[in-house]
């Protein structure tokens, strides 16, 4: 018959060591959860900023097109004004 070797804690492992190890593990889990929460918040903020930037880019393109039309109209009006002046001073 084999001798029975039950598992047991060595007497050198104190309750304080067990408690401090458990507290360290709990602190690590808490820290990791907090970091994950911060990362989730940052991901949400990044998504909002990207959406806002996309809207701003679309608005910018629209404004550029309007500005080009205004400049073309201004050039046409300047040309018409010069023609009117030439006819008026003949």
PDB file of N, CA and C in Angstrom:
ATOM      1  N   UNK A   1       0.817  -1.170   0.000  1.00  0.00           N
ATOM      2  CA  UNK A   1       0.000   0.000   0.000  1.00  0.00           C
ATOM      3  C   UNK A   1       0.868   1.243   0.000  1.00  0.00           C
ATOM      4  N   UNK A   2       0.454   2.213  -0.828  1.00  0.00           N
ATOM      5  CA  UNK A   2       1.218   3.459  -0.896  1.00  0.00           C
ATOM      6  C   UNK A   2       0.879   4.307   0.317  1.00  0.00           C
ATOM      7  N   UNK A   3       1.897   5.024   0.777  1.00  0.00           N
ATOM      8  CA  UNK A   3       1.582   5.934   1.877  1.00  0.00           C
ATOM      9  C   UNK A   3       0.728   7.088   1.339  1.00  0.00           C
ATOM     10  N   UNK A   4      -0.196   7.529   2.131  1.00  0.00           N
ATOM     11  CA  UNK A   4      -1.112   8.592   1.728  1.00  0.00           C
ATOM     12  C   UNK A   4      -0.421   9.935   1.936  1.00  0.00           C
ATOM     13  N   UNK A   5      -0.294  10.704   0.840  1.00  0.00           N
ATOM     14  CA  UNK A   5       0.326  12.034   0.914  1.00  0.00           C
ATOM     15  C   UNK A   5      -0.756  13.072   0.661  1.00  0.00           C
ATOM     16  N   UNK A   6      -1.333  13.533   1.694  1.00  0.00           N
ATOM     17  CA  UNK A   6      -2.340  14.584   1.561  1.00  0.00           C
ATOM     18  C   UNK A   6      -1.645  15.915   1.329  1.00  0.00           C
ATOM     19  N   UNK A   7      -2.308  16.746   0.529  1.00  0.00           N
ATOM     20  CA  UNK A   7      -1.757  18.076   0.280  1.00  0.00           C
ATOM     21  C   UNK A   7      -2.046  18.923   1.497  1.00  0.00           C
ATOM     22  N   UNK A   8      -1.062  19.721   1.882  1.00  0.00           N
ATOM     23  CA  UNK A   8      -1.254  20.621   3.017  1.00  0.00           C
ATOM     24  C   UNK A   8      -0.337  21.820   2.856  1.00  0.00           C
ATOM     25  N   UNK A   9      -0.703  22.897   3.511  1.00  0.00           N
ATOM     26  CA  UNK A   9       0.118  24.100   3.486  1.00  0.00           C
ATOM     27  C   UNK A   9       1.290  23.928   4.428  1.00  0.00           C
ATOM     28  N   UNK A  10       2.405  24.442   3.976  1.00  0.00           N
ATOM     29  CA  UNK A  10       3.567  24.456   4.851  1.00  0.00           C
ATOM     30  C   UNK A  10       3.310  25.476   5.957  1.00  0.00           C
ATOM     31  N   UNK A  11       3.754  25.218   7.119  1.00  0.00           N
ATOM     32  CA  UNK A  11       3.519  26.118   8.246  1.00  0.00           C
ATOM     33  C   UNK A  11       4.223  27.453   8.065  1.00  0.00           C
ATOM     34  N   UNK A  12       5.170  27.531   7.149  1.00  0.00           N
ATOM     35  CA  UNK A  12       5.869  28.793   6.914  1.00  0.00           C
ATOM     36  C   UNK A  12       5.021  29.760   6.092  1.00  0.00           C
ATOM     37  N   UNK A  13       3.966  29.266   5.468  1.00  0.00           N
ATOM     38  CA  UNK A  13       3.062  30.131   4.710  1.00  0.00           C
ATOM     39  C   UNK A  13       2.025  30.662   5.690  1.00  0.00           C
ATOM     40  N   UNK A  14       2.129  31.939   5.969  1.00  0.00           N
ATOM     41  CA  UNK A  14       1.263  32.528   6.988  1.00  0.00           C
ATOM     42  C   UNK A  14      -0.037  33.035   6.386  1.00  0.00           C
ATOM     43  N   UNK A  15      -0.973  33.289   7.255  1.00  0.00           N
ATOM     44  CA  UNK A  15      -2.252  33.839   6.833  1.00  0.00           C
ATOM     45  C   UNK A  15      -2.054  35.221   6.207  1.00  0.00           C
ATOM     46  N   UNK A  16      -1.125  35.991   6.730  1.00  0.00           N
ATOM     47  CA  UNK A  16      -0.823  37.308   6.172  1.00  0.00           C
ATOM     48  C   UNK A  16      -0.332  37.213   4.737  1.00  0.00           C
ATOM     49  N   UNK A  17       0.508  36.228   4.455  1.00  0.00           N
ATOM     50  CA  UNK A  17       1.004  36.026   3.092  1.00  0.00           C
ATOM     51  C   UNK A  17      -0.144  35.652   2.161  1.00  0.00           C
ATOM     52  N   UNK A  18      -1.023  34.783   2.628  1.00  0.00           N
ATOM     53  CA  UNK A  18      -2.173  34.381   1.813  1.00  0.00           C
ATOM     54  C   UNK A  18      -3.075  35.585   1.544  1.00  0.00           C
ATOM     55  N   UNK A  19      -3.372  36.365   2.583  1.00  0.00           N
ATOM     56  CA  UNK A  19      -4.232  37.536   2.422  1.00  0.00           C
ATOM     57  C   UNK A  19      -3.598  38.592   1.522  1.00  0.00           C
ATOM     58  N   UNK A  20      -2.312  38.840   1.697  1.00  0.00           N
ATOM     59  CA  UNK A  20      -1.661  39.856   0.855  1.00  0.00           C
ATOM     60  C   UNK A  20      -1.609  39.410  -0.602  1.00  0.00           C
ATOM     61  N   UNK A  21      -1.398  38.127  -0.842  1.00  0.00           N
ATOM     62  CA  UNK A  21      -1.404  37.613  -2.213  1.00  0.00           C
ATOM     63  C   UNK A  21      -2.801  37.747  -2.821  1.00  0.00           C
ATOM     64  N   UNK A  22      -3.828  37.412  -2.032  1.00  0.00           N
ATOM     65  CA  UNK A  22      -5.205  37.540  -2.519  1.00  0.00           C
ATOM     66  C   UNK A  22      -5.534  39.002  -2.812  1.00  0.00           C
ATOM     67  N   UNK A  23      -5.068  39.906  -1.956  1.00  0.00           N
ATOM     68  CA  UNK A  23      -5.325  41.332  -2.184  1.00  0.00           C
ATOM     69  C   UNK A  23      -4.592  41.825  -3.427  1.00  0.00           C
ATOM     70  N   UNK A  24      -3.377  41.346  -3.646  1.00  0.00           N
ATOM     71  CA  UNK A  24      -2.638  41.728  -4.857  1.00  0.00           C
ATOM     72  C   UNK A  24      -3.357  41.241  -6.111  1.00  0.00           C
ATOM     73  N   UNK A  25      -3.861  40.025  -6.063  1.00  0.00           N
ATOM     74  CA  UNK A  25      -4.586  39.488  -7.215  1.00  0.00           C
ATOM     75  C   UNK A  25      -5.862  40.297  -7.452  1.00  0.00           C
ATOM     76  N   UNK A  26      -6.595  40.584  -6.371  1.00  0.00           N
ATOM     77  CA  UNK A  26      -7.821  41.376  -6.499  1.00  0.00           C
ATOM     78  C   UNK A  26      -7.509  42.771  -7.038  1.00  0.00           C
ATOM     79  N   UNK A  27      -6.422  43.368  -6.569  1.00  0.00           N
ATOM     80  CA  UNK A  27      -6.017  44.682  -7.071  1.00  0.00           C
ATOM     81  C   UNK A  27      -5.669  44.636  -8.548  1.00  0.00           C
ATOM     82  N   UNK A  28      -5.000  43.576  -8.968  1.00  0.00           N
ATOM     83  CA  UNK A  28      -4.665  43.426 -10.388  1.00  0.00           C
ATOM     84  C   UNK A  28      -5.902  43.277 -11.250  1.00  0.00           C
ATOM     85  N   UNK A  29      -6.866  42.501 -10.772  1.00  0.00           N
ATOM     86  CA  UNK A  29      -8.119  42.331 -11.515  1.00  0.00           C
ATOM     87  C   UNK A  29      -8.866  43.664 -11.586  1.00  0.00           C
ATOM     88  N   UNK A  30      -8.913  44.390 -10.472  1.00  0.00           N
ATOM     89  CA  UNK A  30      -9.591  45.693 -10.444  1.00  0.00           C
ATOM     90  C   UNK A  30      -8.913  46.667 -11.409  1.00  0.00           C
ATOM     91  N   UNK A  31      -7.586  46.697 -11.389  1.00  0.00           N
ATOM     92  CA  UNK A  31      -6.838  47.596 -12.278  1.00  0.00           C
ATOM     93  C   UNK A  31      -7.119  47.244 -13.741  1.00  0.00           C
ATOM     94  N   UNK A  32      -7.098  45.946 -14.070  1.00  0.00           N
ATOM     95  CA  UNK A  32      -7.344  45.531 -15.454  1.00  0.00           C
ATOM     96  C   UNK A  32      -8.756  45.920 -15.897  1.00  0.00           C
ATOM     97  N   UNK A  33      -9.729  45.789 -14.997  1.00  0.00           N
ATOM     98  CA  UNK A  33     -11.102  46.174 -15.339  1.00  0.00           C
ATOM     99  C   UNK A  33     -11.191  47.675 -15.570  1.00  0.00           C
ATOM    100  N   UNK A  34     -10.491  48.445 -14.757  1.00  0.00           N
ATOM    101  CA  UNK A  34     -10.507  49.903 -14.907  1.00  0.00           C
ATOM    102  C   UNK A  34      -9.839  50.308 -16.227  1.00  0.00           C
ATOM    103  N   UNK A  35      -8.730  49.676 -16.566  1.00  0.00           N
ATOM    104  CA  UNK A  35      -8.043  49.967 -17.834  1.00  0.00           C
ATOM    105  C   UNK A  35      -8.956  49.627 -19.010  1.00  0.00           C
ATOM    106  N   UNK A  36      -9.658  48.502 -18.923  1.00  0.00           N
ATOM    107  CA  UNK A  36     -10.577  48.114 -19.993  1.00  0.00           C
ATOM    108  C   UNK A  36     -11.694  49.140 -20.135  1.00  0.00           C
ATOM    109  N   UNK A  37     -12.206  49.634 -19.013  1.00  0.00           N
ATOM    110  CA  UNK A  37     -13.263  50.646 -19.039  1.00  0.00           C
ATOM    111  C   UNK A  37     -12.759  51.929 -19.700  1.00  0.00           C
ATOM    112  N   UNK A  38     -11.552  52.340 -19.352  1.00  0.00           N
ATOM    113  CA  UNK A  38     -10.972  53.545 -19.957  1.00  0.00           C
ATOM    114  C   UNK A  38     -10.791  53.340 -21.458  1.00  0.00           C
ATOM    115  N   UNK A  39     -10.321  52.158 -21.857  1.00  0.00           N
ATOM    116  CA  UNK A  39     -10.145  51.866 -23.284  1.00  0.00           C
ATOM    117  C   UNK A  39     -11.477  51.909 -24.024  1.00  0.00           C
ATOM    118  N   UNK A  40     -12.530  51.369 -23.391  1.00  0.00           N
ATOM    119  CA  UNK A  40     -13.854  51.409 -24.021  1.00  0.00           C
ATOM    120  C   UNK A  40     -14.333  52.847 -24.189  1.00  0.00           C
ATOM    121  N   UNK A  41     -14.116  53.679 -23.177  1.00  0.00           N
ATOM    122  CA  UNK A  41     -14.512  55.081 -23.272  1.00  0.00           C
ATOM    123  C   UNK A  41     -13.729  55.793 -24.370  1.00  0.00           C
ATOM    124  N   UNK A  42     -12.445  55.489 -24.477  1.00  0.00           N
ATOM    125  CA  UNK A  42     -11.630  56.118 -25.516  1.00  0.00           C
ATOM    126  C   UNK A  42     -12.064  55.653 -26.900  1.00  0.00           C
ATOM    127  N   UNK A  43     -12.416  54.379 -27.038  1.00  0.00           N
ATOM    128  CA  UNK A  43     -12.902  53.885 -28.325  1.00  0.00           C
ATOM    129  C   UNK A  43     -14.183  54.602 -28.735  1.00  0.00           C
ATOM    130  N   UNK A  44     -15.075  54.816 -27.766  1.00  0.00           N
ATOM    131  CA  UNK A  44     -16.322  55.531 -28.041  1.00  0.00           C
ATOM    132  C   UNK A  44     -16.033  56.973 -28.457  1.00  0.00           C
ATOM    133  N   UNK A  45     -15.115  57.619 -27.743  1.00  0.00           N
ATOM    134  CA  UNK A  45     -14.764  59.006 -28.066  1.00  0.00           C
ATOM    135  C   UNK A  45     -14.128  59.093 -29.450  1.00  0.00           C
ATOM    136  N   UNK A  46     -13.280  58.145 -29.786  1.00  0.00           N
ATOM    137  CA  UNK A  46     -12.632  58.133 -31.103  1.00  0.00           C
ATOM    138  C   UNK A  46     -13.682  57.961 -32.199  1.00  0.00           C
ATOM    139  N   UNK A  47     -14.633  57.066 -31.985  1.00  0.00           N
ATOM    140  CA  UNK A  47     -15.690  56.851 -32.984  1.00  0.00           C
ATOM    141  C   UNK A  47     -16.502  58.126 -33.188  1.00  0.00           C
ATOM    142  N   UNK A  48     -16.828  58.825 -32.080  1.00  0.00           N
ATOM    143  CA  UNK A  48     -17.571  60.088 -32.204  1.00  0.00           C
ATOM    144  C   UNK A  48     -16.757  61.122 -32.968  1.00  0.00           C
ATOM    145  N   UNK A  49     -15.467  61.223 -32.660  1.00  0.00           N
ATOM    146  CA  UNK A  49     -14.621  62.208 -33.340  1.00  0.00           C
ATOM    147  C   UNK A  49     -14.470  61.886 -34.821  1.00  0.00           C
ATOM    148  N   UNK A  50     -14.360  60.596 -35.150  1.00  0.00           N
ATOM    149  CA  UNK A  50     -14.252  60.219 -36.557  1.00  0.00           C
ATOM    150  C   UNK A  50     -15.534  60.574 -37.308  1.00  0.00           C
ATOM    151  N   UNK A  51     -16.678  60.351 -36.671  1.00  0.00           N
ATOM    152  CA  UNK A  51     -17.954  60.714 -37.295  1.00  0.00           C
ATOM    153  C   UNK A  51     -18.033  62.215 -37.507  1.00  0.00           C
ATOM    154  N   UNK A  52     -17.634  62.955 -36.496  1.00  0.00           N
ATOM    155  CA  UNK A  52     -17.653  64.422 -36.599  1.00  0.00           C
ATOM    156  C   UNK A  52     -16.701  64.889 -37.699  1.00  0.00           C
ATOM    157  N   UNK A  53     -15.530  64.261 -37.800  1.00  0.00           N
ATOM    158  CA  UNK A  53     -14.557  64.639 -38.829  1.00  0.00           C
ATOM    159  C   UNK A  53     -15.089  64.325 -40.219  1.00  0.00           C
ATOM    160  N   UNK A  54     -15.761  63.177 -40.363  1.00  0.00           N
ATOM    161  CA  UNK A  54     -16.342  62.830 -41.663  1.00  0.00           C
ATOM    162  C   UNK A  54     -17.383  63.861 -42.088  1.00  0.00           C
ATOM    163  N   UNK A  55     -18.220  64.296 -41.119  1.00  0.00           N
ATOM    164  CA  UNK A  55     -19.214  65.322 -41.437  1.00  0.00           C
ATOM    165  C   UNK A  55     -18.542  66.639 -41.809  1.00  0.00           C
ATOM    166  N   UNK A  56     -17.475  66.982 -41.090  1.00  0.00           N
ATOM    167  CA  UNK A  56     -16.760  68.229 -41.381  1.00  0.00           C
ATOM    168  C   UNK A  56     -16.118  68.160 -42.764  1.00  0.00           C
ATOM    169  N   UNK A  57     -15.569  66.995 -43.118  1.00  0.00           N
ATOM    170  CA  UNK A  57     -14.968  66.836 -44.444  1.00  0.00           C
ATOM    171  C   UNK A  57     -16.018  67.002 -45.539  1.00  0.00           C
ATOM    172  N   UNK A  58     -17.185  66.403 -45.337  1.00  0.00           N
ATOM    173  CA  UNK A  58     -18.255  66.523 -46.331  1.00  0.00           C
ATOM    174  C   UNK A  58     -18.707  67.974 -46.446  1.00  0.00           C
ATOM    175  N   UNK A  59     -18.803  68.650 -45.326  1.00  0.00           N
ATOM    176  CA  UNK A  59     -19.193  70.062 -45.334  1.00  0.00           C
ATOM    177  C   UNK A  59     -18.133  70.907 -46.025  1.00  0.00           C
ATOM    178  N   UNK A  60     -16.874  70.572 -45.816  1.00  0.00           N
ATOM    179  CA  UNK A  60     -15.774  71.315 -46.422  1.00  0.00           C
ATOM    180  C   UNK A  60     -15.818  71.194 -47.943  1.00  0.00           C
ATOM    181  N   UNK A  61     -16.087  69.992 -48.434  1.00  0.00           N
ATOM    182  CA  UNK A  61     -16.181  69.791 -49.883  1.00  0.00           C
ATOM    183  C   UNK A  61     -17.327  70.630 -50.437  1.00  0.00           C
ATOM    184  N   UNK A  62     -18.445  70.638 -49.741  1.00  0.00           N
ATOM    185  CA  UNK A  62     -19.594  71.432 -50.181  1.00  0.00           C
ATOM    186  C   UNK A  62     -19.246  72.921 -50.200  1.00  0.00           C
ATOM    187  N   UNK A  63     -18.550  73.388 -49.185  1.00  0.00           N
ATOM    188  CA  UNK A  63     -18.165  74.798 -49.125  1.00  0.00           C
ATOM    189  C   UNK A  63     -17.180  75.145 -50.233  1.00  0.00           C
ATOM    190  N   UNK A  64     -16.274  74.253 -50.546  1.00  0.00           N
ATOM    191  CA  UNK A  64     -15.310  74.496 -51.627  1.00  0.00           C
ATOM    192  C   UNK A  64     -16.045  74.627 -52.958  1.00  0.00           C
ATOM    193  N   UNK A  65     -17.028  73.750 -53.179  1.00  0.00           N
ATOM    194  CA  UNK A  65     -17.797  73.827 -54.424  1.00  0.00           C
ATOM    195  C   UNK A  65     -18.570  75.142 -54.509  1.00  0.00           C
ATOM    196  N   UNK A  66     -19.185  75.552 -53.401  1.00  0.00           N
ATOM    197  CA  UNK A  66     -19.917  76.825 -53.400  1.00  0.00           C
ATOM    198  C   UNK A  66     -18.979  77.998 -53.638  1.00  0.00           C
ATOM    199  N   UNK A  67     -17.804  77.961 -53.033  1.00  0.00           N
ATOM    200  CA  UNK A  67     -16.833  79.034 -53.221  1.00  0.00           C
ATOM    201  C   UNK A  67     -16.390  79.110 -54.679  1.00  0.00           C
ATOM    202  N   UNK A  68     -16.199  77.969 -55.310  1.00  0.00           N
ATOM    203  CA  UNK A  68     -15.809  77.961 -56.723  1.00  0.00           C
ATOM    204  C   UNK A  68     -16.902  78.586 -57.585  1.00  0.00           C
ATOM    205  N   UNK A  69     -18.168  78.273 -57.283  1.00  0.00           N
ATOM    206  CA  UNK A  69     -19.273  78.879 -58.040  1.00  0.00           C
ATOM    207  C   UNK A  69     -19.335  80.389 -57.815  1.00  0.00           C
ATOM    208  N   UNK A  70     -19.127  80.813 -56.586  1.00  0.00           N
ATOM    209  CA  UNK A  70     -19.142  82.252 -56.285  1.00  0.00           C
ATOM    210  C   UNK A  70     -18.023  82.958 -57.033  1.00  0.00           C
ATOM    211  N   UNK A  71     -16.834  82.362 -57.057  1.00  0.00           N
ATOM    212  CA  UNK A  71     -15.710  82.975 -57.768  1.00  0.00           C
ATOM    213  C   UNK A  71     -15.999  83.054 -59.264  1.00  0.00           C
ATOM    214  N   UNK A  72     -16.613  82.005 -59.812  1.00  0.00           N
ATOM    215  CA  UNK A  72     -16.953  82.031 -61.240  1.00  0.00           C
ATOM    216  C   UNK A  72     -17.989  83.118 -61.521  1.00  0.00           C
ATOM    217  N   UNK A  73     -18.993  83.225 -60.664  1.00  0.00           N
ATOM    218  CA  UNK A  73     -20.001  84.282 -60.832  1.00  0.00           C
ATOM    219  C   UNK A  73     -19.374  85.662 -60.711  1.00  0.00           C
ATOM    220  N   UNK A  74     -18.464  85.816 -59.787  1.00  0.00           N
ATOM    221  CA  UNK A  74     -17.799  87.108 -59.605  1.00  0.00           C
ATOM    222  C   UNK A  74     -16.979  87.460 -60.842  1.00  0.00           C
ATOM    223  N   UNK A  75     -16.294  86.478 -61.402  1.00  0.00           N
ATOM    224  CA  UNK A  75     -15.512  86.735 -62.613  1.00  0.00           C
ATOM    225  C   UNK A  75     -16.437  87.148 -63.760  1.00  0.00           C
ATOM    226  N   UNK A  76     -17.584  86.472 -63.887  1.00  0.00           N
ATOM    227  CA  UNK A  76     -18.548  86.840 -64.935  1.00  0.00           C
ATOM    228  C   UNK A  76     -19.093  88.247 -64.714  1.00  0.00           C
ATOM    229  N   UNK A  77     -19.401  88.569 -63.476  1.00  0.00           N
ATOM    230  CA  UNK A  77     -19.933  89.898 -63.174  1.00  0.00           C
ATOM    231  C   UNK A  77     -18.882  90.977 -63.421  1.00  0.00           C
ATOM    232  N   UNK A  78     -17.640  90.680 -63.097  1.00  0.00           N
ATOM    233  CA  UNK A  78     -16.565  91.643 -63.356  1.00  0.00           C
ATOM    234  C   UNK A  78     -16.424  91.881 -64.858  1.00  0.00           C
ATOM    235  N   UNK A  79     -16.502  90.819 -65.629  1.00  0.00           N
ATOM    236  CA  UNK A  79     -16.397  90.953 -67.081  1.00  0.00           C
ATOM    237  C   UNK A  79     -17.579  91.764 -67.630  1.00  0.00           C
ATOM    238  N   UNK A  80     -18.785  91.482 -67.149  1.00  0.00           N
ATOM    239  CA  UNK A  80     -19.956  92.245 -67.597  1.00  0.00           C
ATOM    240  C   UNK A  80     -19.840  93.714 -67.211  1.00  0.00           C
ATOM    241  N   UNK A  81     -19.342  93.977 -66.014  1.00  0.00           N
ATOM    242  CA  UNK A  81     -19.171  95.358 -65.567  1.00  0.00           C
ATOM    243  C   UNK A  81     -18.171  96.087 -66.458  1.00  0.00           C
ATOM    244  N   UNK A  82     -17.092  95.436 -66.839  1.00  0.00           N
ATOM    245  CA  UNK A  82     -16.113  96.061 -67.733  1.00  0.00           C
ATOM    246  C   UNK A  82     -16.733  96.349 -69.098  1.00  0.00           C
ATOM    247  N   UNK A  83     -17.551  95.433 -69.592  1.00  0.00           N
ATOM    248  CA  UNK A  83     -18.212  95.656 -70.879  1.00  0.00           C
ATOM    249  C   UNK A  83     -19.172  96.845 -70.789  1.00  0.00           C
ATOM    250  N   UNK A  84     -19.895  96.932 -69.671  1.00  0.00           N
ATOM    251  CA  UNK A  84     -20.821  98.060 -69.482  1.00  0.00           C
ATOM    252  C   UNK A  84     -20.049  99.369 -69.431  1.00  0.00           C
ATOM    253  N   UNK A  85     -18.944  99.408 -68.736  1.00  0.00           N
ATOM    254  CA  UNK A  85     -18.128 100.629 -68.653  1.00  0.00           C
ATOM    255  C   UNK A  85     -17.612 101.033 -70.032  1.00  0.00           C
ATOM    256  N   UNK A  86     -17.153 100.031 -70.792  1.00  0.00           N
ATOM    257  CA  UNK A  86     -16.643 100.339 -72.127  1.00  0.00           C
ATOM    258  C   UNK A  86     -17.744 100.932 -73.008  1.00  0.00           C
ATOM    259  N   UNK A  87     -18.943 100.391 -72.924  1.00  0.00           N
ATOM    260  CA  UNK A  87     -20.051 100.911 -73.733  1.00  0.00           C
ATOM    261  C   UNK A  87     -20.494 102.279 -73.234  1.00  0.00           C
ATOM    262  N   UNK A  88     -20.426 102.496 -71.931  1.00  0.00           N
ATOM    263  CA  UNK A  88     -20.876 103.768 -71.364  1.00  0.00           C
ATOM    264  C   UNK A  88     -19.909 104.891 -71.706  1.00  0.00           C
ATOM    265  N   UNK A  89     -18.643 104.638 -71.804  1.00  0.00           N
ATOM    266  CA  UNK A  89     -17.649 105.681 -72.053  1.00  0.00           C
ATOM    267  C   UNK A  89     -17.254 105.780 -73.520  1.00  0.00           C
ATOM    268  N   UNK A  90     -18.005 105.275 -74.465  1.00  0.00           N
ATOM    269  CA  UNK A  90     -17.704 105.405 -75.892  1.00  0.00           C
ATOM    270  C   UNK A  90     -18.184 106.696 -76.407  1.00  0.00           C
TER     271      UNK A  90
END
